[in-house]
Amino acid sequence: MTLALDVTGLTYSFGAKRALDDVSFSVERASFTALLGPNGAGKTTFFSLATRLFDAPAETIRIFGRDIRRHPGEALAQLGVVFQEPTLDLDLSVVQNLRYAAALHGLRPAAAAQRIERELTRFGLFERRNVKARSLNGGHRRRIEIARALMHEPALLLLDEPTVGLDAPTRRQLVDLVHRLCREDGIAVLWTTHLVDELDGDGDRVVLLQDGGVKARGTVAEVLAAAGAVDLHSLFTPAAVAVS
C-alpha cells in the first residue's frame, strides 16, 4: 500500500550549515507519527521542505507516491497544513476564515458550508462560528486552524509544533482530537514537537530527530526497547539506536 509520506535520503543545507543529513522515514495511512526532537534539531526545516516553502531535492519527499518536486499539484492536494506561527485573520469571524480557505481550494459555497458545519461541530465551536477570531483563546484558535486545514478533506495532515504557548490541559485536548482524526477519518498525521508527553502510547510512531539526523524511529515501544531506555526523555543520548 502506498505510504502517506515517504522521505528518502533527504539532505538540505543553508550555505555551509547542514540542517538535515540523509533523513529517511515514512508515515503510514491512518497513523499518528511524531517528529520528535529538541529545538534546533531540524524539524521546522523539514516542515518547510515538505510544504514546499523550501525546494526539496527531487525524489526525496513523496506524498501518496507523488514526488513533491516533480508533481507538486497532485502531491500537495492531498496535504493539510497547520503552521507553528498562527495564521488566522483575527479581524474575520471564524466562519469567514474557513470560507476563505474553502474558496482557495475551489469548493462551491454549498459544499463549503457543509464542511464548515461538520468541522466546527467536531471541534466544539459551531456556536462560536460568527465571533471574530481575535476573541478566541489560543486553544480555540488552534482548533480553527486544524478545521481550516481539513476543508479540502486531505489524507495527510502536517502540524508543526501546534501546541506552542498552550497550557497542559489544552495541549492534551488537541492531541486527543488529532488522534481521533486518525482513528475515525483515516487521516495520516505527522506532528512535530519537542514535548514527549504529546505521544499517545504504543500505537504512535516516533521519528527522533537530533542535529539534523534521524536518531531513532519506530513505535514508542520499539524505540524504547532498541535503545534500552525507560522513557522517551532518555532517548536524547548517544546510546539511542535507529529502528526501521
Protein backbone atom coordinates (compact mmCIF):
# COMPACT_ATOMS: atom_id res chain seq x y z
CA MET A 1 0.00 0.00 0.00
CA THR A 2 1.31 3.46 -0.91
CA LEU A 3 2.67 5.35 2.08
CA ALA A 4 1.07 8.64 3.06
CA LEU A 5 4.52 10.23 3.35
CA ASP A 6 7.80 8.70 2.24
CA VAL A 7 11.05 10.56 2.94
CA THR A 8 14.23 9.08 1.44
CA GLY A 9 17.78 10.37 1.83
CA LEU A 10 16.75 13.98 2.41
CA THR A 11 19.73 16.29 2.85
CA TYR A 12 19.44 20.06 2.99
CA SER A 13 21.88 22.86 3.79
CA PHE A 14 21.76 26.60 4.38
CA GLY A 15 25.07 27.61 2.82
CA ALA A 16 27.78 25.74 4.70
CA LYS A 17 25.42 24.68 7.50
CA ARG A 18 23.79 21.28 7.03
CA ALA A 19 20.31 21.36 8.54
CA LEU A 20 19.21 17.84 7.53
CA ASP A 21 21.54 14.92 6.84
CA ASP A 22 20.31 11.83 4.95
CA VAL A 23 16.90 11.82 6.65
CA SER A 24 14.66 8.84 5.85
CA PHE A 25 11.34 7.83 7.42
CA SER A 26 7.74 7.17 6.46
CA VAL A 27 4.21 7.84 7.67
CA GLU A 28 1.61 5.14 7.07
CA ARG A 29 -2.01 5.80 6.19
CA ALA A 30 -4.38 6.47 9.11
CA SER A 31 -1.48 6.69 11.56
CA PHE A 32 -0.07 9.24 14.01
CA THR A 33 3.67 9.86 13.73
CA ALA A 34 5.53 12.32 15.94
CA LEU A 35 8.64 14.00 14.53
CA LEU A 36 10.24 14.47 17.92
CA GLY A 37 13.37 16.43 18.72
CA PRO A 38 14.81 19.34 20.66
CA ASN A 39 14.70 22.88 19.33
CA GLY A 40 17.21 23.22 16.50
CA ALA A 41 17.03 19.54 15.53
CA GLY A 42 15.76 20.31 12.01
CA LYS A 43 12.01 19.76 12.48
CA THR A 44 10.91 23.12 11.10
CA THR A 45 13.35 22.86 8.19
CA PHE A 46 11.79 19.53 7.27
CA PHE A 47 8.31 21.02 7.59
CA SER A 48 9.26 23.85 5.24
CA LEU A 49 10.57 21.35 2.68
CA ALA A 50 7.51 19.09 2.92
CA THR A 51 5.18 22.04 2.31
CA ARG A 52 7.39 23.48 -0.48
CA LEU A 53 8.23 26.70 1.35
CA PHE A 54 11.77 25.47 0.59
CA ASP A 55 12.61 23.46 -2.52
CA ALA A 56 13.43 19.85 -1.62
CA PRO A 57 15.71 17.78 -3.86
CA ALA A 58 13.83 15.59 -6.32
CA GLU A 59 12.86 12.06 -5.26
CA THR A 60 13.36 12.75 -1.54
CA ILE A 61 9.77 13.51 -0.40
CA ARG A 62 6.70 11.71 -1.74
CA ILE A 63 3.10 12.20 -0.68
CA PHE A 64 0.98 9.17 -1.59
CA GLY A 65 3.60 8.22 -4.14
CA ARG A 66 3.82 11.64 -5.78
CA ASP A 67 7.16 13.41 -5.69
CA ILE A 68 6.53 16.92 -4.37
CA ARG A 69 9.06 18.46 -6.72
CA ARG A 70 8.05 16.68 -9.92
CA HIS A 71 4.29 16.59 -9.22
CA PRO A 72 3.65 19.38 -6.69
CA GLY A 73 -0.01 19.96 -7.53
CA GLU A 74 -1.04 16.33 -7.16
CA ALA A 75 1.08 15.83 -4.05
CA LEU A 76 0.03 18.96 -2.18
CA ALA A 77 -3.66 18.41 -2.99
CA GLN A 78 -3.52 15.53 -0.50
CA LEU A 79 -1.97 17.69 2.20
CA GLY A 80 -3.43 19.77 5.04
CA VAL A 81 -1.07 22.05 6.97
CA VAL A 82 -1.05 23.78 10.35
CA PHE A 83 1.98 26.02 10.77
CA GLN A 84 3.69 26.81 14.04
CA GLU A 85 3.02 30.53 13.74
CA PRO A 86 -0.68 31.49 13.97
CA THR A 87 -2.15 32.34 10.57
CA LEU A 88 -5.81 33.17 11.20
CA ASP A 89 -7.09 36.58 10.15
CA LEU A 90 -8.08 37.88 13.57
CA ASP A 91 -10.40 40.54 12.16
CA LEU A 92 -12.53 37.94 10.37
CA SER A 93 -15.08 35.72 12.05
CA VAL A 94 -14.47 32.02 12.49
CA VAL A 95 -16.74 31.13 9.59
CA GLN A 96 -15.19 33.80 7.34
CA ASN A 97 -11.73 32.33 7.93
CA LEU A 98 -13.00 28.90 6.93
CA ARG A 99 -14.96 30.17 3.92
CA TYR A 100 -11.84 31.86 2.63
CA ALA A 101 -9.84 28.64 2.91
CA ALA A 102 -12.62 26.68 1.21
CA ALA A 103 -12.69 29.16 -1.66
CA LEU A 104 -8.92 28.85 -2.13
CA HIS A 105 -9.45 25.12 -2.61
CA GLY A 106 -12.20 25.72 -5.16
CA LEU A 107 -15.11 24.47 -3.07
CA ARG A 108 -18.58 25.55 -4.08
CA PRO A 109 -20.46 27.55 -1.39
CA ALA A 110 -22.91 24.74 -0.56
CA ALA A 111 -20.14 22.16 -0.14
CA ALA A 112 -18.08 24.64 1.86
CA ALA A 113 -20.99 25.33 4.22
CA GLN A 114 -21.47 21.61 4.87
CA ARG A 115 -17.80 21.06 5.63
CA ILE A 116 -17.58 24.14 7.84
CA GLU A 117 -20.56 22.97 9.90
CA ARG A 118 -19.10 19.46 10.14
CA GLU A 119 -15.66 20.57 11.29
CA LEU A 120 -16.86 23.25 13.71
CA THR A 121 -19.24 20.74 15.25
CA ARG A 122 -16.44 18.19 15.53
CA PHE A 123 -14.22 20.73 17.29
CA GLY A 124 -16.99 22.05 19.53
CA LEU A 125 -17.02 25.57 18.08
CA PHE A 126 -20.12 25.72 15.88
CA GLU A 127 -21.90 28.02 18.33
CA ARG A 128 -19.00 30.47 18.05
CA ARG A 129 -18.85 30.49 14.26
CA ASN A 130 -19.81 34.17 13.94
CA VAL A 131 -17.41 35.63 16.51
CA LYS A 132 -14.17 37.25 15.46
CA ALA A 133 -11.12 35.03 15.68
CA ARG A 134 -9.36 37.50 17.97
CA SER A 135 -11.97 36.85 20.67
CA LEU A 136 -10.98 33.16 20.90
CA ASN A 137 -8.38 31.80 23.29
CA GLY A 138 -5.23 30.14 21.99
CA GLY A 139 -6.59 26.61 22.13
CA HIS A 140 -9.73 27.52 20.20
CA ARG A 141 -7.70 29.34 17.56
CA ARG A 142 -5.63 26.21 17.05
CA ARG A 143 -8.79 24.16 16.65
CA ILE A 144 -9.96 26.56 13.96
CA GLU A 145 -6.62 26.27 12.17
CA ILE A 146 -6.92 22.48 12.18
CA ALA A 147 -10.51 22.74 10.94
CA ARG A 148 -9.32 25.05 8.18
CA ALA A 149 -6.62 22.56 7.16
CA LEU A 150 -9.36 19.91 6.77
CA MET A 151 -11.59 21.94 4.44
CA HIS A 152 -10.44 20.11 1.29
CA GLU A 153 -10.50 16.69 3.02
CA PRO A 154 -6.77 15.93 2.86
CA ALA A 155 -5.46 12.44 3.52
CA LEU A 156 -2.29 13.68 5.24
CA LEU A 157 -2.15 16.37 7.92
CA LEU A 158 1.11 18.07 8.92
CA LEU A 159 1.22 20.08 12.16
CA ASP A 160 4.34 22.00 13.17
CA GLU A 161 4.60 22.41 16.97
CA PRO A 162 0.84 23.12 17.13
CA THR A 163 0.69 23.35 20.94
CA VAL A 164 3.36 26.02 21.46
CA GLY A 165 2.15 28.51 24.08
CA LEU A 166 -0.80 26.41 25.26
CA ASP A 167 -1.30 25.09 28.78
CA ALA A 168 -1.04 21.38 29.54
CA PRO A 169 -4.79 20.57 29.58
CA THR A 170 -5.35 22.39 26.28
CA ARG A 171 -2.37 20.62 24.73
CA ARG A 172 -3.82 17.27 25.81
CA GLN A 173 -7.19 18.11 24.28
CA LEU A 174 -5.60 18.94 20.92
CA VAL A 175 -3.51 15.76 20.96
CA ASP A 176 -6.64 13.70 21.65
CA LEU A 177 -8.62 15.46 18.91
CA VAL A 178 -5.95 14.80 16.30
CA HIS A 179 -5.62 11.16 17.33
CA ARG A 180 -9.37 10.86 16.82
CA LEU A 181 -8.96 12.13 13.25
CA CYS A 182 -6.61 9.21 12.61
CA ARG A 183 -8.99 6.66 14.10
CA GLU A 184 -12.32 7.93 12.78
CA ASP A 185 -11.42 9.57 9.46
CA GLY A 186 -8.36 7.53 8.47
CA ILE A 187 -6.18 10.63 8.18
CA ALA A 188 -2.41 10.21 8.41
CA VAL A 189 -0.74 12.73 10.74
CA LEU A 190 2.81 13.98 11.12
CA TRP A 191 3.03 16.06 14.31
CA THR A 192 6.31 17.84 15.01
CA THR A 193 7.08 18.52 18.65
CA HIS A 194 9.79 18.74 21.29
CA LEU A 195 7.40 17.53 24.01
CA VAL A 196 7.44 13.80 24.68
CA ASP A 197 4.15 13.87 26.58
CA GLU A 198 2.31 14.58 23.32
CA LEU A 199 2.65 10.94 22.26
CA ASP A 200 -0.20 8.60 22.99
CA GLY A 201 1.32 5.22 23.81
CA ASP A 202 2.31 2.20 21.76
CA GLY A 203 0.06 2.98 18.79
CA ASP A 204 2.01 6.09 17.86
CA ARG A 205 5.17 6.03 15.80
CA VAL A 206 8.20 8.16 16.61
CA VAL A 207 10.90 9.68 14.44
CA LEU A 208 13.56 11.04 16.75
CA LEU A 209 15.44 13.87 15.06
CA GLN A 210 18.60 15.34 16.52
CA ASP A 211 21.31 17.52 14.94
CA GLY A 212 19.63 17.13 11.56
CA GLY A 213 19.68 13.32 11.51
CA VAL A 214 17.28 10.52 12.38
CA LYS A 215 18.47 9.04 15.64
CA ALA A 216 15.67 6.51 16.14
CA ARG A 217 12.37 5.55 14.52
CA GLY A 218 9.60 3.03 15.13
CA THR A 219 6.71 2.65 17.56
CA VAL A 220 7.21 4.05 21.03
CA ALA A 221 7.75 0.54 22.37
CA GLU A 222 10.20 -0.40 19.58
CA VAL A 223 12.28 2.72 20.03
CA LEU A 224 12.46 2.32 23.80
CA ALA A 225 13.32 -1.40 23.54
CA ALA A 226 16.02 -0.89 20.92
CA ALA A 227 17.61 1.92 22.91
CA GLY A 228 17.32 0.14 26.26
CA ALA A 229 15.57 3.25 27.54
CA VAL A 230 12.87 3.53 30.18
CA ASP A 231 11.25 6.66 28.72
CA LEU A 232 11.42 8.96 25.72
CA HIS A 233 13.32 11.64 27.62
CA SER A 234 16.35 9.36 27.84
CA LEU A 235 16.48 8.88 24.06
CA PHE A 236 18.36 12.16 23.68
CA THR A 237 21.61 10.34 24.48
CA PRO A 238 24.42 8.87 22.36
CA ALA A 239 23.22 5.36 23.23
CA ALA A 240 19.99 5.52 21.18
CA VAL A 241 19.90 3.43 18.01
CA ALA A 242 17.77 3.55 14.87
CA VAL A 243 14.89 1.15 14.29
CA SER A 244 13.47 0.65 10.80
